[in-house]
C-alpha atoms as a PDB file:
ATOM      1  CA  MET A   1     173.112  90.603 118.181  1.00  0.00           C
ATOM      2  CA  LYS A   2     170.773  92.523 115.846  1.00  0.00           C
ATOM      3  CA  LYS A   3     168.238  89.680 116.028  1.00  0.00           C
ATOM      4  CA  LEU A   4     168.361  89.719 119.825  1.00  0.00           C
ATOM      5  CA  ILE A   5     167.756  93.469 119.987  1.00  0.00           C
ATOM      6  CA  LEU A   6     165.025  93.254 117.342  1.00  0.00           C
ATOM      7  CA  SER A   7     163.313  90.435 119.284  1.00  0.00           C
ATOM      8  CA  PHE A   8     163.515  92.449 122.503  1.00  0.00           C
ATOM      9  CA  VAL A   9     161.990  95.549 120.845  1.00  0.00           C
ATOM     10  CA  ALA A  10     159.204  93.471 119.270  1.00  0.00           C
ATOM     11  CA  ALA A  11     158.378  91.831 122.610  1.00  0.00           C
ATOM     12  CA  THR A  12     158.337  95.219 124.370  1.00  0.00           C
ATOM     13  CA  VAL A  13     155.988  96.693 121.755  1.00  0.00           C
ATOM     14  CA  LEU A  14     153.719  93.660 121.984  1.00  0.00           C
ATOM     15  CA  PHE A  15     153.493  93.790 125.790  1.00  0.00           C
ATOM     16  CA  ALA A  16     152.990  97.560 125.797  1.00  0.00           C
ATOM     17  CA  SER A  17     150.140  97.377 123.284  1.00  0.00           C
ATOM     18  CA  CYS A  18     148.427  94.594 125.240  1.00  0.00           C
ATOM     19  CA  ASN A  19     148.774  96.570 128.450  1.00  0.00           C
ATOM     20  CA  GLN A  20     147.230  99.706 126.882  1.00  0.00           C
ATOM     21  CA  GLU A  21     144.282  97.686 125.603  1.00  0.00           C
ATOM     22  CA  GLY A  22     143.787  96.201 129.085  1.00  0.00           C
ATOM     23  CA  LYS A  23     143.729  99.672 130.639  1.00  0.00           C
ATOM     24  CA  LYS A  24     141.168 100.798 128.090  1.00  0.00           C
ATOM     25  CA  THR A  25     138.985  97.776 128.845  1.00  0.00           C
ATOM     26  CA  ASP A  26     139.191  98.475 132.589  1.00  0.00           C
ATOM     27  CA  ALA A  27     138.202 102.109 132.029  1.00  0.00           C
ATOM     28  CA  ASP A  28     135.305 101.071 129.785  1.00  0.00           C
ATOM     29  CA  ALA A  29     134.118  98.568 132.396  1.00  0.00           C
ATOM     30  CA  GLN A  30     134.268 101.214 135.122  1.00  0.00           C
ATOM     31  CA  ASN A  31     132.249 103.672 133.004  1.00  0.00           C
ATOM     32  CA  THR A  32     129.681 100.979 132.224  1.00  0.00           C
ATOM     33  CA  THR A  33     129.373 100.102 135.923  1.00  0.00           C
ATOM     34  CA  GLU A  34     128.978 103.753 136.901  1.00  0.00           C
ATOM     35  CA  SER A  35     126.297 104.264 134.233  1.00  0.00           C
ATOM     36  CA  ALA A  36     124.382 101.165 135.296  1.00  0.00           C
ATOM     37  CA  THR A  37     124.577 102.184 138.956  1.00  0.00           C
ATOM     38  CA  THR A  38     123.420 105.718 138.243  1.00  0.00           C
ATOM     39  CA  GLU A  39     120.597 104.580 135.979  1.00  0.00           C
ATOM     40  CA  GLY A  40     119.575 101.785 138.360  1.00  0.00           C
ATOM     41  CA  ASN A  41     119.079 104.141 141.328  1.00  0.00           C
ATOM     42  CA  ASP A  42     116.429 106.250 139.589  1.00  0.00           C
ATOM     43  CA  GLY A  43     113.578 103.986 140.647  1.00  0.00           C
ATOM     44  CA  ILE A  44     114.389 101.727 143.551  1.00  0.00           C
ATOM     45  CA  GLY A  45     112.312 100.485 146.449  1.00  0.00           C
ATOM     46  CA  LYS A  46     113.626 100.712 149.994  1.00  0.00           C
ATOM     47  CA  MET A  47     112.430  98.719 153.008  1.00  0.00           C
ATOM     48  CA  GLU A  48     112.403 100.581 156.344  1.00  0.00           C
ATOM     49  CA  PHE A  49     111.539  98.163 159.164  1.00  0.00           C
ATOM     50  CA  GLU A  50     109.787  99.332 162.339  1.00  0.00           C
ATOM     51  CA  GLU A  51     112.077  96.875 164.155  1.00  0.00           C
ATOM     52  CA  THR A  52     114.608  94.305 163.026  1.00  0.00           C
ATOM     53  CA  VAL A  53     114.922  92.381 166.311  1.00  0.00           C
ATOM     54  CA  TYR A  54     112.044  91.048 168.406  1.00  0.00           C
ATOM     55  CA  ASN A  55     112.898  89.742 171.879  1.00  0.00           C
ATOM     56  CA  PHE A  56     110.139  87.417 173.065  1.00  0.00           C
ATOM     57  CA  GLY A  57     111.653  87.128 176.560  1.00  0.00           C
ATOM     58  CA  LYS A  58     111.306  83.856 178.498  1.00  0.00           C
ATOM     59  CA  ILE A  59     108.829  81.201 177.437  1.00  0.00           C
ATOM     60  CA  LYS A  60     108.230  77.560 178.333  1.00  0.00           C
ATOM     61  CA  GLU A  61     109.274  74.813 175.937  1.00  0.00           C
ATOM     62  CA  GLY A  62     106.409  73.950 173.589  1.00  0.00           C
ATOM     63  CA  GLU A  63     104.946  77.470 173.450  1.00  0.00           C
ATOM     64  CA  VAL A  64     104.523  79.124 170.068  1.00  0.00           C
ATOM     65  CA  VAL A  65     105.621  82.724 169.533  1.00  0.00           C
ATOM     66  CA  LYS A  66     104.064  84.791 166.754  1.00  0.00           C
ATOM     67  CA  HIS A  67     105.306  88.188 165.628  1.00  0.00           C
ATOM     68  CA  VAL A  68     104.772  90.455 162.628  1.00  0.00           C
ATOM     69  CA  PHE A  69     107.661  92.515 161.265  1.00  0.00           C
ATOM     70  CA  LYS A  70     106.301  95.539 159.374  1.00  0.00           C
ATOM     71  CA  PHE A  71     108.213  97.586 156.839  1.00  0.00           C
ATOM     72  CA  GLU A  72     107.406 100.687 154.837  1.00  0.00           C
ATOM     73  CA  ASN A  73     108.558 101.152 151.263  1.00  0.00           C
ATOM     74  CA  THR A  74     110.315 104.536 151.465  1.00  0.00           C
ATOM     75  CA  GLY A  75     111.693 104.226 147.926  1.00  0.00           C
ATOM     76  CA  THR A  76     110.272 105.309 144.596  1.00  0.00           C
ATOM     77  CA  SER A  77     109.452 101.907 143.064  1.00  0.00           C
ATOM     78  CA  PRO A  78     107.421  98.924 144.295  1.00  0.00           C
ATOM     79  CA  VAL A  79     109.204  96.401 146.528  1.00  0.00           C
ATOM     80  CA  ILE A  80     108.654  92.745 145.674  1.00  0.00           C
ATOM     81  CA  LEU A  81     109.665  90.087 148.191  1.00  0.00           C
ATOM     82  CA  SER A  82     110.933  87.102 146.228  1.00  0.00           C
ATOM     83  CA  GLN A  83     111.878  84.799 149.105  1.00  0.00           C
ATOM     84  CA  VAL A  84     111.713  84.802 152.892  1.00  0.00           C
ATOM     85  CA  SER A  85     113.414  81.958 154.757  1.00  0.00           C
ATOM     86  CA  ALA A  86     114.234  81.119 158.364  1.00  0.00           C
ATOM     87  CA  SER A  87     117.460  79.747 159.827  1.00  0.00           C
ATOM     88  CA  CYS A  88     115.630  76.807 161.393  1.00  0.00           C
ATOM     89  CA  GLY A  89     112.691  74.546 160.581  1.00  0.00           C
ATOM     90  CA  CYS A  90     111.084  75.539 163.887  1.00  0.00           C
ATOM     91  CA  THR A  91     110.468  79.038 162.499  1.00  0.00           C
ATOM     92  CA  THR A  92     107.914  79.621 159.745  1.00  0.00           C
ATOM     93  CA  PRO A  93     107.668  82.943 157.903  1.00  0.00           C
ATOM     94  CA  THR A  94     104.767  84.120 155.745  1.00  0.00           C
ATOM     95  CA  PHE A  95     104.991  87.368 153.827  1.00  0.00           C
ATOM     96  CA  THR A  96     103.322  89.914 151.593  1.00  0.00           C
ATOM     97  CA  THR A  97     103.261  88.432 148.090  1.00  0.00           C
ATOM     98  CA  THR A  98     101.913  91.473 146.256  1.00  0.00           C
ATOM     99  CA  PRO A  99     104.186  94.410 145.358  1.00  0.00           C
ATOM    100  CA  VAL A 100     104.465  96.962 148.174  1.00  0.00           C
ATOM    101  CA  LEU A 101     103.993 100.356 146.547  1.00  0.00           C
ATOM    102  CA  PRO A 102     106.001 103.417 147.636  1.00  0.00           C
ATOM    103  CA  GLY A 103     104.631 104.781 150.915  1.00  0.00           C
ATOM    104  CA  LYS A 104     102.769 101.555 151.705  1.00  0.00           C
ATOM    105  CA  VAL A 105     103.449  98.920 154.376  1.00  0.00           C
ATOM    106  CA  GLY A 106     104.322  95.252 153.912  1.00  0.00           C
ATOM    107  CA  GLU A 107     104.418  92.482 156.510  1.00  0.00           C
ATOM    108  CA  ILE A 108     106.457  89.421 157.358  1.00  0.00           C
ATOM    109  CA  ALA A 109     104.690  87.220 159.918  1.00  0.00           C
ATOM    110  CA  VAL A 110     106.914  84.784 161.792  1.00  0.00           C
ATOM    111  CA  GLU A 111     105.887  81.812 163.938  1.00  0.00           C
ATOM    112  CA  PHE A 112     108.436  80.124 166.212  1.00  0.00           C
ATOM    113  CA  ASN A 113     107.583  76.699 167.696  1.00  0.00           C
ATOM    114  CA  SER A 114     109.763  76.172 170.770  1.00  0.00           C
ATOM    115  CA  SER A 115     109.237  72.391 171.026  1.00  0.00           C
ATOM    116  CA  GLY A 116     112.675  70.813 171.409  1.00  0.00           C
ATOM    117  CA  GLN A 117     114.359  74.220 171.557  1.00  0.00           C
ATOM    118  CA  VAL A 118     115.722  74.847 175.071  1.00  0.00           C
ATOM    119  CA  GLY A 119     118.023  77.685 176.130  1.00  0.00           C
ATOM    120  CA  GLN A 120     118.914  80.961 174.429  1.00  0.00           C
ATOM    121  CA  GLN A 121     117.392  81.212 170.965  1.00  0.00           C
ATOM    122  CA  GLN A 122     118.194  83.463 168.035  1.00  0.00           C
ATOM    123  CA  LYS A 123     116.290  82.800 164.826  1.00  0.00           C
ATOM    124  CA  ILE A 124     117.321  84.780 161.758  1.00  0.00           C
ATOM    125  CA  ILE A 125     114.852  85.415 158.955  1.00  0.00           C
ATOM    126  CA  THR A 126     116.450  86.280 155.602  1.00  0.00           C
ATOM    127  CA  ILE A 127     114.496  88.391 153.114  1.00  0.00           C
ATOM    128  CA  ALA A 128     115.348  88.521 149.398  1.00  0.00           C
ATOM    129  CA  SER A 129     113.760  91.338 147.404  1.00  0.00           C
ATOM    130  CA  ASN A 130     114.258  93.826 144.605  1.00  0.00           C
ATOM    131  CA  ALA A 131     114.794  96.628 147.146  1.00  0.00           C
ATOM    132  CA  GLU A 132     117.914  98.751 147.484  1.00  0.00           C
ATOM    133  CA  ALA A 133     119.351  96.189 149.917  1.00  0.00           C
ATOM    134  CA  ASN A 134     118.586  92.961 148.031  1.00  0.00           C
ATOM    135  CA  ILE A 135     119.100  90.855 151.164  1.00  0.00           C
ATOM    136  CA  SER A 136     117.790  91.969 154.567  1.00  0.00           C
ATOM    137  CA  THR A 137     117.455  90.143 157.868  1.00  0.00           C
ATOM    138  CA  VAL A 138     115.239  90.332 160.918  1.00  0.00           C
ATOM    139  CA  GLN A 139     115.474  88.149 163.990  1.00  0.00           C
ATOM    140  CA  LEU A 140     113.582  86.626 166.887  1.00  0.00           C
ATOM    141  CA  LYS A 141     115.417  86.035 170.117  1.00  0.00           C
ATOM    142  CA  GLY A 142     114.684  84.986 173.645  1.00  0.00           C
ATOM    143  CA  GLU A 143     115.003  82.140 176.091  1.00  0.00           C
ATOM    144  CA  VAL A 144     113.129  78.847 176.164  1.00  0.00           C
ATOM    145  CA  GLU A 145     112.893  77.155 179.570  1.00  0.00           C
ATOM    146  CA  ALA A 146     112.600  73.379 179.857  1.00  0.00           C
ATOM    147  CA  ILE A 147     109.339  72.068 181.295  1.00  0.00           C
END
């Protein structure tokens, strides 16, 4: 009986000590995350787009639509676009490759080739950067009529 009670007490102490260490680790992780977040926000770029959706209306199949999405860096550090990709091979983006300094304007030019694309269209362009929102999107939409 003594061995059973002794084993139970030992197991309880072991579990309690492990649990306390786990709580300490969680608290340390939270403090580290808060510090990194606070320190990381001191100098961050921010992209403010003039528009995030461009409606090209109705066009005939085979026409090419070109549009430039402009954004201003309203943050305190340069914004660097690392990748800009479209949801479809019929849409080709080109973008500012130099850092966009605070207060300056960057551009993402998009070209949509409507050949083989009939009906309502919505093309999403995904932008990866070092800005406050690491991933942003803009979109082209409209209707392509068959010829």
